[in-house]
Amino acid sequence: MAFSPQNHIAGPGRTRLGDMRFRAFISLVGWRRQRSAESRPRPGADRPLTGRAAFDSYQTMYAARGEPGQLAPGQFERIAKALSDPRRFSLLQTVAQAREECAYQKLCSVFPISKATISHHMKELATAGLVETERDGQYMNARIVPGVIEAYTAELTRRIGGGA
């Protein structure tokens, strides 16, 4: 017999208090809504990812790195998106000024934002390929990836027509 609230509410050995608890549980879980949602197809499930949906998909988060002096496919857009946030741009400047490695603790002391926010922004910069992060025990260090900014500016110049 299939599970349904009508079959199980007045089962043998149940008390009135047990029935009330079960009904409250069913209303919290939303059994009927959940069952009807499972039977309906998701909107857009049959369409392939194109345009903006493809850019924001999981596939673009861990893209391969390009050759030295060149950007990987989609990296130009990820860098532009990462640098569009002024806070991320400031974090990138601070990491670049550190010369070798910059500890996340230093970033926490320089910027008046939480550790979680710094971690999120650094993850976005690392996803774009601008910085490399390295764990040292419980601490994280970041350093600039050499040549990426130069490749980005060269690609930007090429895309806007040479700047002349």
Protein backbone atom coordinates (compact mmCIF):
# COMPACT_ATOMS: atom_id res chain seq x y z
CA MET A 1 0.00 0.00 0.00
CA ALA A 2 1.37 3.43 -0.96
CA PHE A 3 2.11 6.01 1.72
CA SER A 4 -0.47 8.70 2.20
CA PRO A 5 -1.63 10.67 5.22
CA GLN A 6 -5.11 9.12 5.04
CA ASN A 7 -3.68 5.58 5.38
CA HIS A 8 -1.48 6.34 8.36
CA ILE A 9 -3.36 8.87 10.52
CA ALA A 10 -5.73 6.45 12.19
CA GLY A 11 -3.49 3.38 12.32
CA PRO A 12 -3.73 0.77 15.07
CA GLY A 13 -2.29 1.81 18.42
CA ARG A 14 -2.29 5.51 17.68
CA THR A 15 -3.51 7.99 20.22
CA ARG A 16 -5.24 11.23 19.52
CA LEU A 17 -2.05 13.13 20.48
CA GLY A 18 -0.02 10.97 18.06
CA ASP A 19 -2.50 11.77 15.28
CA MET A 20 -2.16 15.50 15.93
CA ARG A 21 1.63 15.26 15.87
CA PHE A 22 1.55 13.33 12.63
CA ARG A 23 -0.80 15.84 11.01
CA ALA A 24 1.46 18.70 12.14
CA PHE A 25 4.44 16.86 10.67
CA ILE A 26 2.67 16.34 7.35
CA SER A 27 1.67 20.00 7.18
CA LEU A 28 5.25 21.12 7.95
CA VAL A 29 6.79 18.83 5.38
CA GLY A 30 4.23 19.70 2.76
CA TRP A 31 3.82 16.12 1.58
CA ARG A 32 1.18 16.88 -1.01
CA ARG A 33 3.03 19.88 -2.45
CA GLN A 34 6.27 17.94 -2.60
CA ARG A 35 4.63 15.01 -4.38
CA SER A 36 2.95 17.24 -6.95
CA ALA A 37 6.19 19.16 -7.58
CA GLU A 38 8.04 15.90 -8.29
CA SER A 39 5.53 14.88 -10.94
CA ARG A 40 5.81 18.18 -12.85
CA PRO A 41 8.77 18.69 -15.18
CA ARG A 42 11.14 21.53 -14.37
CA PRO A 43 10.66 24.58 -16.61
CA GLY A 44 13.41 24.79 -19.20
CA ALA A 45 14.80 21.32 -18.44
CA ASP A 46 14.67 20.37 -22.11
CA ARG A 47 16.58 23.47 -23.35
CA PRO A 48 20.40 23.50 -23.59
CA LEU A 49 22.40 26.10 -21.69
CA THR A 50 23.09 29.13 -23.85
CA GLY A 51 24.06 32.75 -23.31
CA ARG A 52 24.03 33.99 -19.74
CA ALA A 53 22.91 30.67 -18.29
CA ALA A 54 26.02 28.99 -19.70
CA PHE A 55 28.26 31.73 -18.28
CA ASP A 56 26.87 31.33 -14.77
CA SER A 57 26.84 27.54 -14.80
CA TYR A 58 28.99 25.21 -12.72
CA GLN A 59 31.05 24.35 -15.80
CA THR A 60 32.69 27.79 -15.94
CA MET A 61 33.80 27.81 -12.32
CA TYR A 62 36.81 25.53 -12.77
CA ALA A 63 38.02 26.31 -16.27
CA ALA A 64 41.47 25.30 -17.43
CA ARG A 65 44.24 27.87 -17.47
CA GLY A 66 45.53 29.24 -20.75
CA GLU A 67 49.07 29.16 -22.05
CA PRO A 68 51.44 31.74 -20.55
CA GLY A 69 50.57 35.08 -22.14
CA GLN A 70 47.14 33.82 -23.31
CA LEU A 71 43.77 33.51 -21.63
CA ALA A 72 41.78 30.29 -21.43
CA PRO A 73 38.35 30.21 -23.13
CA GLY A 74 35.91 32.19 -20.98
CA GLN A 75 38.64 33.60 -18.74
CA PHE A 76 38.32 37.11 -20.17
CA GLU A 77 34.68 37.27 -19.03
CA ARG A 78 35.51 35.82 -15.58
CA ILE A 79 38.27 38.39 -15.06
CA ALA A 80 35.98 41.24 -16.14
CA LYS A 81 33.30 40.02 -13.75
CA ALA A 82 35.82 39.66 -10.90
CA LEU A 83 37.31 43.12 -11.43
CA SER A 84 33.91 44.81 -11.70
CA ASP A 85 33.59 44.76 -7.89
CA PRO A 86 35.61 47.62 -6.33
CA ARG A 87 36.26 45.59 -3.19
CA ARG A 88 37.79 42.74 -5.22
CA PHE A 89 39.90 45.21 -7.16
CA SER A 90 41.23 46.64 -3.88
CA LEU A 91 41.99 43.14 -2.60
CA LEU A 92 43.88 42.39 -5.82
CA GLN A 93 45.91 45.59 -5.44
CA THR A 94 46.84 44.67 -1.87
CA VAL A 95 47.90 41.16 -2.88
CA ALA A 96 49.96 42.60 -5.76
CA GLN A 97 51.74 45.05 -3.43
CA ALA A 98 52.78 42.18 -1.13
CA ARG A 99 55.28 41.05 -3.83
CA GLU A 100 55.47 37.35 -2.86
CA GLU A 101 52.57 36.05 -0.76
CA CYS A 102 49.82 37.80 1.13
CA ALA A 103 48.14 36.13 4.09
CA TYR A 104 44.37 36.38 4.44
CA GLN A 105 44.95 37.63 8.02
CA LYS A 106 46.71 40.69 6.60
CA LEU A 107 43.73 41.33 4.34
CA CYS A 108 41.40 41.03 7.34
CA SER A 109 43.42 43.67 9.19
CA VAL A 110 43.57 46.04 6.18
CA PHE A 111 39.90 45.83 5.13
CA PRO A 112 36.93 46.36 7.49
CA ILE A 113 35.06 43.26 6.26
CA SER A 114 34.56 39.79 7.71
CA LYS A 115 36.80 36.79 7.09
CA ALA A 116 34.02 35.08 5.19
CA THR A 117 33.62 38.02 2.82
CA ILE A 118 37.37 38.14 2.17
CA SER A 119 37.36 34.40 1.54
CA HIS A 120 34.47 34.75 -0.93
CA HIS A 121 36.13 37.58 -2.86
CA MET A 122 39.47 35.76 -2.96
CA LYS A 123 37.69 32.66 -4.27
CA GLU A 124 36.23 34.74 -7.09
CA LEU A 125 39.67 36.16 -7.93
CA ALA A 126 41.14 32.65 -7.90
CA THR A 127 38.32 31.35 -10.12
CA ALA A 128 39.11 34.11 -12.60
CA GLY A 129 42.76 33.02 -12.57
CA LEU A 130 44.12 36.28 -11.18
CA VAL A 131 45.49 34.85 -7.93
CA GLU A 132 46.69 31.48 -6.68
CA THR A 133 45.82 30.45 -3.16
CA GLU A 134 47.76 28.06 -0.98
CA ARG A 135 46.80 26.58 2.36
CA ASP A 136 49.45 26.54 5.09
CA GLY A 137 47.89 24.63 7.98
CA GLN A 138 44.82 26.63 8.96
CA TYR A 139 46.01 29.77 7.16
CA MET A 140 45.54 30.79 3.53
CA ASN A 141 48.04 32.73 1.44
CA ALA A 142 47.48 34.33 -1.95
CA ARG A 143 49.82 35.49 -4.69
CA ILE A 144 49.34 37.09 -8.10
CA VAL A 145 49.52 34.80 -11.14
CA PRO A 146 52.21 36.33 -13.36
CA GLY A 147 51.22 37.35 -16.87
CA VAL A 148 47.43 37.16 -16.49
CA ILE A 149 46.88 40.90 -16.16
CA GLU A 150 49.09 41.53 -19.21
CA ALA A 151 47.17 38.93 -21.23
CA TYR A 152 43.88 40.46 -20.07
CA THR A 153 44.89 43.99 -21.08
CA ALA A 154 46.17 42.72 -24.45
CA GLU A 155 42.86 40.93 -25.09
CA LEU A 156 40.90 44.00 -23.99
CA THR A 157 42.90 46.19 -26.37
CA ARG A 158 42.34 43.69 -29.19
CA ARG A 159 38.57 43.55 -28.54
CA ILE A 160 38.03 47.30 -28.48
CA GLY A 161 39.98 47.83 -31.67
CA GLY A 162 43.52 48.75 -30.77
CA GLY A 163 42.72 51.92 -28.82
CA ALA A 164 43.80 54.30 -31.60
